[in-house]
Structures are given as structure tokens and as C-alpha cells.
Amino acid sequence: MARVGGRNLAMSWFAGVVCAGVVAGLVWLSLPMMPVLAAFAGDTLRSIFP
């Protein structure tokens, strides 16, 4: 992490961990949609390129 004047190192680490946790949670919630997305992309590609 870049050191910026006037920023608390502990608070910036805490914010970084919270942001990483939110991103990881969103990825975890989106995992069940992957087979649906793959099928949609496959059907779309098959219809475009017969």
C-alpha cells in the first residue's frame, strides 16, 4: 500500500481487509450463476456462428 500523508496505517489496513471481504463475498454469492452464464454464452455463440 502506498503511504499517504495524514492516513492511519491501521485504519487503511482495516478498510482494505473489509473491501477484500466484500469482494470475496460477492464472488461467493455469484458462483451459483456460473453454469447459467456458461450455458447462455454457449447458446449465444452457437446461434451467431452456426
N, C-alpha and C. Protein backbone atom coordinates (compact mmCIF):
# COMPACT_ATOMS: atom_id res chain seq x y z
N MET A 1 0.83 -1.18 0.00
CA MET A 1 0.00 0.00 0.00
C MET A 1 0.88 1.24 0.00
N ALA A 2 0.44 2.24 -0.69
CA ALA A 2 1.18 3.50 -0.73
C ALA A 2 0.92 4.28 0.54
N ARG A 3 1.95 4.90 1.03
CA ARG A 3 1.81 5.72 2.23
C ARG A 3 1.39 7.12 1.81
N VAL A 4 0.25 7.56 2.32
CA VAL A 4 -0.26 8.89 2.04
C VAL A 4 -0.23 9.67 3.34
N GLY A 5 0.25 10.89 3.28
CA GLY A 5 0.35 11.71 4.48
C GLY A 5 -1.01 11.93 5.14
N GLY A 6 -1.06 11.79 6.45
CA GLY A 6 -2.28 12.02 7.19
C GLY A 6 -3.19 10.81 7.29
N ARG A 7 -2.78 9.66 6.76
CA ARG A 7 -3.61 8.46 6.84
C ARG A 7 -3.07 7.53 7.91
N ASN A 8 -3.95 6.92 8.65
CA ASN A 8 -3.57 5.98 9.68
C ASN A 8 -3.38 4.61 9.04
N LEU A 9 -2.22 4.01 9.28
CA LEU A 9 -1.90 2.72 8.68
C LEU A 9 -2.87 1.63 9.12
N ALA A 10 -3.21 1.60 10.40
CA ALA A 10 -4.13 0.57 10.90
C ALA A 10 -5.51 0.72 10.27
N MET A 11 -5.98 1.95 10.13
CA MET A 11 -7.30 2.16 9.53
C MET A 11 -7.29 1.80 8.06
N SER A 12 -6.20 2.08 7.36
CA SER A 12 -6.15 1.73 5.95
C SER A 12 -6.10 0.22 5.77
N TRP A 13 -5.40 -0.49 6.64
CA TRP A 13 -5.39 -1.95 6.57
C TRP A 13 -6.78 -2.51 6.85
N PHE A 14 -7.46 -1.96 7.85
CA PHE A 14 -8.81 -2.41 8.18
C PHE A 14 -9.75 -2.19 7.00
N ALA A 15 -9.68 -1.02 6.37
CA ALA A 15 -10.54 -0.73 5.22
C ALA A 15 -10.21 -1.67 4.06
N GLY A 16 -8.93 -1.96 3.85
CA GLY A 16 -8.54 -2.88 2.79
C GLY A 16 -9.05 -4.29 3.03
N VAL A 17 -8.98 -4.75 4.26
CA VAL A 17 -9.48 -6.10 4.59
C VAL A 17 -11.00 -6.15 4.44
N VAL A 18 -11.69 -5.11 4.86
CA VAL A 18 -13.15 -5.07 4.71
C VAL A 18 -13.53 -5.07 3.23
N CYS A 19 -12.84 -4.26 2.42
CA CYS A 19 -13.14 -4.22 0.99
C CYS A 19 -12.87 -5.57 0.34
N ALA A 20 -11.76 -6.20 0.69
CA ALA A 20 -11.45 -7.52 0.14
C ALA A 20 -12.51 -8.54 0.56
N GLY A 21 -13.00 -8.44 1.79
CA GLY A 21 -14.06 -9.33 2.26
C GLY A 21 -15.36 -9.13 1.51
N VAL A 22 -15.70 -7.89 1.22
CA VAL A 22 -16.92 -7.61 0.46
C VAL A 22 -16.80 -8.18 -0.95
N VAL A 23 -15.66 -7.98 -1.60
CA VAL A 23 -15.45 -8.52 -2.94
C VAL A 23 -15.51 -10.04 -2.91
N ALA A 24 -14.87 -10.66 -1.94
CA ALA A 24 -14.90 -12.12 -1.82
C ALA A 24 -16.33 -12.62 -1.59
N GLY A 25 -17.10 -11.92 -0.78
CA GLY A 25 -18.49 -12.29 -0.54
C GLY A 25 -19.34 -12.20 -1.81
N LEU A 26 -19.12 -11.15 -2.59
CA LEU A 26 -19.87 -11.01 -3.84
C LEU A 26 -19.50 -12.10 -4.83
N VAL A 27 -18.22 -12.46 -4.88
CA VAL A 27 -17.80 -13.56 -5.76
C VAL A 27 -18.44 -14.86 -5.29
N TRP A 28 -18.46 -15.09 -3.99
CA TRP A 28 -19.06 -16.31 -3.43
C TRP A 28 -20.55 -16.39 -3.77
N LEU A 29 -21.24 -15.26 -3.69
CA LEU A 29 -22.67 -15.25 -3.99
C LEU A 29 -22.94 -15.44 -5.48
N SER A 30 -21.99 -15.06 -6.33
CA SER A 30 -22.21 -15.17 -7.77
C SER A 30 -21.83 -16.55 -8.33
N LEU A 31 -21.18 -17.39 -7.56
CA LEU A 31 -20.74 -18.70 -8.06
C LEU A 31 -21.88 -19.59 -8.57
N PRO A 32 -23.04 -19.64 -7.93
CA PRO A 32 -24.10 -20.49 -8.47
C PRO A 32 -24.59 -20.06 -9.86
N MET A 33 -24.32 -18.84 -10.25
CA MET A 33 -24.78 -18.34 -11.54
C MET A 33 -23.83 -18.72 -12.68
N MET A 34 -22.66 -19.25 -12.39
CA MET A 34 -21.67 -19.56 -13.41
C MET A 34 -22.16 -20.58 -14.45
N PRO A 35 -22.79 -21.70 -14.07
CA PRO A 35 -23.27 -22.63 -15.10
C PRO A 35 -24.33 -22.00 -16.02
N VAL A 36 -25.18 -21.15 -15.45
CA VAL A 36 -26.20 -20.48 -16.25
C VAL A 36 -25.54 -19.53 -17.24
N LEU A 37 -24.55 -18.79 -16.78
CA LEU A 37 -23.84 -17.86 -17.64
C LEU A 37 -23.08 -18.60 -18.74
N ALA A 38 -22.48 -19.72 -18.42
CA ALA A 38 -21.76 -20.51 -19.42
C ALA A 38 -22.72 -21.06 -20.47
N ALA A 39 -23.87 -21.53 -20.05
CA ALA A 39 -24.86 -22.04 -20.99
C ALA A 39 -25.38 -20.92 -21.89
N PHE A 40 -25.63 -19.77 -21.31
CA PHE A 40 -26.10 -18.62 -22.09
C PHE A 40 -25.06 -18.20 -23.12
N ALA A 41 -23.80 -18.12 -22.70
CA ALA A 41 -22.73 -17.74 -23.64
C ALA A 41 -22.57 -18.81 -24.73
N GLY A 42 -22.66 -20.07 -24.38
CA GLY A 42 -22.56 -21.14 -25.37
C GLY A 42 -23.69 -21.10 -26.38
N ASP A 43 -24.91 -20.91 -25.90
CA ASP A 43 -26.06 -20.83 -26.80
C ASP A 43 -25.95 -19.61 -27.72
N THR A 44 -25.49 -18.50 -27.16
CA THR A 44 -25.33 -17.29 -27.97
C THR A 44 -24.28 -17.49 -29.05
N LEU A 45 -23.16 -18.07 -28.70
CA LEU A 45 -22.10 -18.30 -29.68
C LEU A 45 -22.53 -19.31 -30.74
N ARG A 46 -23.31 -20.33 -30.34
CA ARG A 46 -23.78 -21.31 -31.31
C ARG A 46 -24.80 -20.69 -32.27
N SER A 47 -25.57 -19.73 -31.80
CA SER A 47 -26.55 -19.09 -32.69
C SER A 47 -25.88 -18.07 -33.62
N ILE A 48 -24.80 -17.46 -33.17
CA ILE A 48 -24.09 -16.48 -34.01
C ILE A 48 -23.25 -17.20 -35.08
N PHE A 49 -22.55 -18.24 -34.65
CA PHE A 49 -21.68 -18.99 -35.57
C PHE A 49 -22.24 -20.40 -35.77
N PRO A 50 -23.14 -20.58 -36.73
CA PRO A 50 -23.77 -21.90 -36.87
C PRO A 50 -22.84 -22.97 -37.39
